[in-house]
Protein backbone atom coordinates (compact mmCIF):
# COMPACT_ATOMS: atom_id res chain seq x y z
CA UNK A 1 0.00 0.00 0.00
CA UNK A 2 1.39 3.39 -1.01
CA UNK A 3 1.33 6.37 1.34
CA UNK A 4 1.05 10.14 0.99
CA UNK A 5 2.37 12.51 3.64
CA UNK A 6 0.12 15.54 4.23
CA UNK A 7 1.38 18.27 6.53
CA UNK A 8 -1.09 20.40 8.45
CA UNK A 9 -3.78 17.75 8.04
CA UNK A 10 -5.74 18.35 11.24
CA UNK A 11 -8.02 21.11 9.91
CA UNK A 12 -8.97 23.26 6.95
CA UNK A 13 -7.46 22.51 3.56
CA UNK A 14 -5.17 19.82 4.95
CA UNK A 15 -8.01 17.90 6.54
CA UNK A 16 -10.09 18.13 3.36
CA UNK A 17 -7.11 16.98 1.28
CA UNK A 18 -6.59 14.02 3.56
CA UNK A 19 -10.21 12.98 3.26
CA UNK A 20 -10.17 13.42 -0.53
CA UNK A 21 -7.04 11.31 -0.92
CA UNK A 22 -8.34 8.63 1.43
CA UNK A 23 -11.50 8.45 -0.66
CA UNK A 24 -9.26 7.46 -3.57
CA UNK A 25 -7.89 4.52 -1.59
CA UNK A 26 -4.58 6.03 -0.49
CA UNK A 27 -3.10 5.60 2.96
CA UNK A 28 -2.37 8.99 4.50
CA UNK A 29 0.20 9.89 7.10
CA UNK A 30 -1.01 13.11 8.62
CA UNK A 31 0.76 15.82 10.56
CA UNK A 32 -0.30 18.23 13.29
CA UNK A 33 1.60 20.59 15.54
CA UNK A 34 0.31 18.69 18.57
CA UNK A 35 -1.70 15.58 19.39
CA UNK A 36 -0.34 13.00 16.98
CA UNK A 37 -1.99 9.58 16.77
CA UNK A 38 -1.69 6.27 14.99
CA UNK A 39 -1.95 7.96 11.60
CA UNK A 40 -0.93 11.52 12.56
CA UNK A 41 2.54 12.61 13.64
CA UNK A 42 2.99 15.57 15.97
CA UNK A 43 5.77 17.97 15.00
CA UNK A 44 6.07 21.70 15.74
CA UNK A 45 7.81 23.27 12.76
CA UNK A 46 9.06 26.13 14.91
CA UNK A 47 11.66 23.57 16.02
CA UNK A 48 14.38 23.31 13.33
CA UNK A 49 14.58 19.54 13.87
CA UNK A 50 10.83 18.91 13.60
CA UNK A 51 10.69 18.50 9.81
CA UNK A 52 13.43 15.87 9.86
CA UNK A 53 11.70 14.05 12.71
CA UNK A 54 8.42 14.08 10.78
CA UNK A 55 10.01 12.73 7.61
CA UNK A 56 11.92 9.97 9.40
CA UNK A 57 8.85 8.89 11.34
CA UNK A 58 6.65 8.97 8.22
CA UNK A 59 9.21 6.93 6.31
CA UNK A 60 9.30 4.33 9.08
CA UNK A 61 5.51 4.08 9.33
CA UNK A 62 5.15 3.72 5.56
CA UNK A 63 7.87 1.13 5.18
CA UNK A 64 9.60 3.54 2.84
CA UNK A 65 6.68 3.68 0.39
CA UNK A 66 5.80 7.38 0.27
CA UNK A 67 4.73 8.30 -3.27
CA UNK A 68 3.77 11.93 -2.69
CA UNK A 69 4.09 14.78 -0.19
CA UNK A 70 1.59 17.61 0.27
CA UNK A 71 3.27 20.64 1.84
CA UNK A 72 0.23 22.30 3.37
CA UNK A 73 1.18 23.32 6.93
CA UNK A 74 1.01 27.06 7.40
CA UNK A 75 0.93 29.95 9.83
CA UNK A 76 -1.04 33.12 9.10
CA UNK A 77 -0.79 35.74 11.82
CA UNK A 78 -0.56 39.51 11.72
CA UNK A 79 2.77 41.22 12.24
CA UNK A 80 2.24 44.95 12.75
CA UNK A 81 4.86 47.34 11.46
CA UNK A 82 4.63 49.08 14.84
CA UNK A 83 5.32 46.02 17.00
CA UNK A 84 8.62 45.92 18.85
CA UNK A 85 11.71 44.99 16.87
CA UNK A 86 12.07 41.61 18.55
CA UNK A 87 8.35 40.79 18.24
CA UNK A 88 8.39 41.68 14.53
CA UNK A 89 11.48 39.55 13.93
CA UNK A 90 10.14 36.60 15.96
CA UNK A 91 6.90 36.55 13.98
CA UNK A 92 8.79 36.87 10.68
CA UNK A 93 11.07 33.96 11.52
CA UNK A 94 8.26 31.73 12.81
CA UNK A 95 6.22 32.35 9.66
CA UNK A 96 9.14 31.73 7.30
CA UNK A 97 10.15 28.58 9.16
CA UNK A 98 6.65 27.06 9.25
CA UNK A 99 5.48 28.13 5.79
CA UNK A 100 8.70 27.76 3.81
CA UNK A 101 11.74 26.32 5.55
CA UNK A 102 9.97 23.21 6.88
CA UNK A 103 8.44 22.61 3.43
CA UNK A 104 11.90 22.96 1.90
CA UNK A 105 13.38 20.48 4.38
CA UNK A 106 10.67 17.90 3.74
CA UNK A 107 10.92 18.40 -0.02
CA UNK A 108 14.68 17.82 0.16
CA UNK A 109 14.26 14.63 2.16
CA UNK A 110 11.61 13.41 -0.29
CA UNK A 111 13.68 14.18 -3.39
CA UNK A 112 16.70 12.39 -1.98
CA UNK A 113 14.55 9.40 -1.03
CA UNK A 114 12.97 9.18 -4.47
CA UNK A 115 16.34 9.50 -6.19
CA UNK A 116 17.22 6.19 -4.56
CA UNK A 117 14.08 4.39 -5.75
CA UNK A 118 13.36 2.63 -9.00
CA UNK A 119 11.00 4.52 -11.26
CA UNK A 120 7.55 3.05 -11.91
CA UNK A 121 6.22 2.05 -15.32
CA UNK A 122 5.32 5.68 -16.00
CA UNK A 123 8.85 6.79 -15.21
CA UNK A 124 7.73 8.57 -12.05
CA UNK A 125 9.42 8.32 -8.67
CA UNK A 126 7.39 10.78 -6.60
CA UNK A 127 5.27 13.93 -6.51
CA UNK A 128 5.35 17.08 -4.43
CA UNK A 129 2.29 19.31 -4.05
CA UNK A 130 2.87 22.71 -2.45
CA UNK A 131 -0.04 24.73 -1.08
CA UNK A 132 1.06 28.32 -1.58
CA UNK A 133 -1.19 31.39 -1.93
CA UNK A 134 -2.20 34.12 -4.33
CA UNK A 135 -0.13 36.31 -1.98
CA UNK A 136 2.92 34.89 -3.76
CA UNK A 137 1.93 36.99 -6.76
CA UNK A 138 -0.19 39.92 -5.56
CA UNK A 139 1.24 40.37 -2.07
CA UNK A 140 -0.84 40.66 1.07
CA UNK A 141 -1.86 43.18 3.73
CA UNK A 142 0.64 45.55 5.39
CA UNK A 143 0.66 43.22 8.40
CA UNK A 144 1.53 40.15 6.34
CA UNK A 145 4.83 40.85 4.60
CA UNK A 146 6.20 37.64 6.07
CA UNK A 147 3.34 35.49 4.80
CA UNK A 148 3.58 36.84 1.25
CA UNK A 149 7.35 36.41 1.28
CA UNK A 150 7.08 32.81 2.45
CA UNK A 151 4.52 31.89 -0.20
CA UNK A 152 6.50 33.65 -2.91
CA UNK A 153 9.50 31.62 -1.82
CA UNK A 154 7.47 28.43 -1.94
CA UNK A 155 6.44 29.05 -5.54
CA UNK A 156 10.04 29.80 -6.55
CA UNK A 157 11.23 26.67 -4.74
CA UNK A 158 8.56 24.57 -6.47
CA UNK A 159 9.56 25.80 -9.93
CA UNK A 160 13.21 25.10 -9.18
CA UNK A 161 12.44 21.55 -8.05
CA UNK A 162 10.34 20.88 -11.13
CA UNK A 163 13.10 22.07 -13.46
CA UNK A 164 15.88 20.32 -11.58
CA UNK A 165 14.42 16.85 -11.12
CA UNK A 166 11.77 16.30 -13.80
CA UNK A 167 14.18 14.19 -15.81
CA UNK A 168 14.49 11.88 -12.80
CA UNK A 169 10.73 11.33 -12.59
CA UNK A 170 10.28 13.64 -9.60
CA UNK A 171 7.37 15.98 -10.23
CA UNK A 172 6.32 19.18 -8.50
CA UNK A 173 3.01 21.07 -8.53
CA UNK A 174 1.77 24.15 -6.68
CA UNK A 175 -1.69 25.43 -5.78
CA UNK A 176 -2.25 29.12 -5.02
CA UNK A 177 -5.60 29.64 -3.28
CA UNK A 178 -7.06 32.99 -2.43
CA UNK A 179 -9.30 33.24 0.61
CA UNK A 180 -10.59 29.84 1.67
CA UNK A 181 -13.31 29.14 4.21
CA UNK A 182 -11.03 28.01 7.03
CA UNK A 183 -10.62 29.30 10.57
CA UNK A 184 -7.28 30.86 9.57
CA UNK A 185 -8.80 32.92 6.75
CA UNK A 186 -11.97 33.62 8.73
CA UNK A 187 -10.10 35.64 11.33
CA UNK A 188 -8.48 37.69 8.60
CA UNK A 189 -11.74 38.28 6.75
CA UNK A 190 -13.32 39.55 9.95
CA UNK A 191 -10.40 41.86 10.65
CA UNK A 192 -10.56 43.34 7.12
CA UNK A 193 -14.28 44.04 7.04
CA UNK A 194 -15.81 40.62 6.53
CA UNK A 195 -18.31 40.45 3.69
CA UNK A 196 -17.12 43.79 2.28
CA UNK A 197 -13.88 42.13 1.28
CA UNK A 198 -15.81 39.82 -1.05
CA UNK A 199 -16.22 42.76 -3.42
CA UNK A 200 -12.66 42.03 -4.50
CA UNK A 201 -13.62 38.48 -5.56
CA UNK A 202 -15.53 38.41 -8.87
CA UNK A 203 -16.90 34.95 -8.07
CA UNK A 204 -18.64 36.50 -5.06
CA UNK A 205 -17.48 33.98 -2.48
CA UNK A 206 -14.36 32.44 -1.03
CA UNK A 207 -13.28 28.92 -1.95
CA UNK A 208 -14.19 25.90 0.15
CA UNK A 209 -11.51 23.60 1.55
CA UNK A 210 -13.03 20.79 -0.52
CA UNK A 211 -12.44 22.74 -3.73
CA UNK A 212 -8.77 23.22 -2.94
CA UNK A 213 -8.52 19.60 -1.82
CA UNK A 214 -9.82 18.42 -5.19
CA UNK A 215 -6.98 20.31 -6.91
CA UNK A 216 -4.43 18.84 -4.49
CA UNK A 217 -5.75 15.35 -5.18
CA UNK A 218 -5.57 15.93 -8.92
CA UNK A 219 -1.95 17.07 -8.66
CA UNK A 220 -0.95 14.23 -6.35
CA UNK A 221 -2.57 11.46 -8.38
CA UNK A 222 -3.93 12.44 -11.79
CA UNK A 223 -2.12 15.38 -13.35
CA UNK A 224 -0.07 14.34 -16.39
CA UNK A 225 3.66 14.43 -15.85
CA UNK A 226 4.00 17.16 -18.47
CA UNK A 227 2.26 19.49 -16.00
CA UNK A 228 5.21 19.42 -13.61
CA UNK A 229 6.15 22.97 -12.70
CA UNK A 230 2.56 24.21 -13.02
CA UNK A 231 0.99 26.65 -10.57
CA UNK A 232 -2.80 26.33 -10.34
CA UNK A 233 -4.69 29.43 -9.20
CA UNK A 234 -7.92 29.06 -7.21
CA UNK A 235 -8.96 32.51 -6.07
CA UNK A 236 -12.33 33.29 -7.68
CA UNK A 237 -10.58 35.55 -10.25
CA UNK A 238 -9.45 37.97 -7.51
CA UNK A 239 -6.02 37.71 -9.10
CA UNK A 240 -5.44 36.57 -12.67
CA UNK A 241 -2.13 36.10 -14.48
């Protein structure tokens, strides 16, 4: 039985992605900051060693048969320009570590693992799916420099991986949602005027976690290999490229 590792799988997009992938018959190894279980590993990405612990534990539980990784774990908290210097820096570093550095660590471990595996009949060795954000392209609020920077870095990292390892059968995809109906986005929507913010979304509503999960599932299982390097927008036309 093949496994997929999904980070940040305890709620929101990650939980929906887990359920969508399980519905396709895949075994999922989940991740949460706290409260791991038989099929969920606890790892706090603020700790520089947490990503390596998560990967090693996931590899052991799967018997080495991880076919895809979904980098979904994220932190979205305000960082006021007027906060103290140390508070501003702490929030910047926490956000970059959780949203980007941990994803980079896990991606590196996965690429190295897949490089040592035989390719399947399709020539593939493994797939990475990165959950970024429209903020990677259009930026974010004045209190979210760090979040936009992390997601921009994730997209650049994804493109680099796709170009570097496609010939080895290691594929990379990215999804860039806009606002999604999760608790994380809900707090932000409320702080920015709630329903009034929807005027910026031509579709007239935010995405559901299930919609983003369906894109993640497609990338992890169904997208043709020639799509490696693609970034799929899902923001209700609030940002178009």
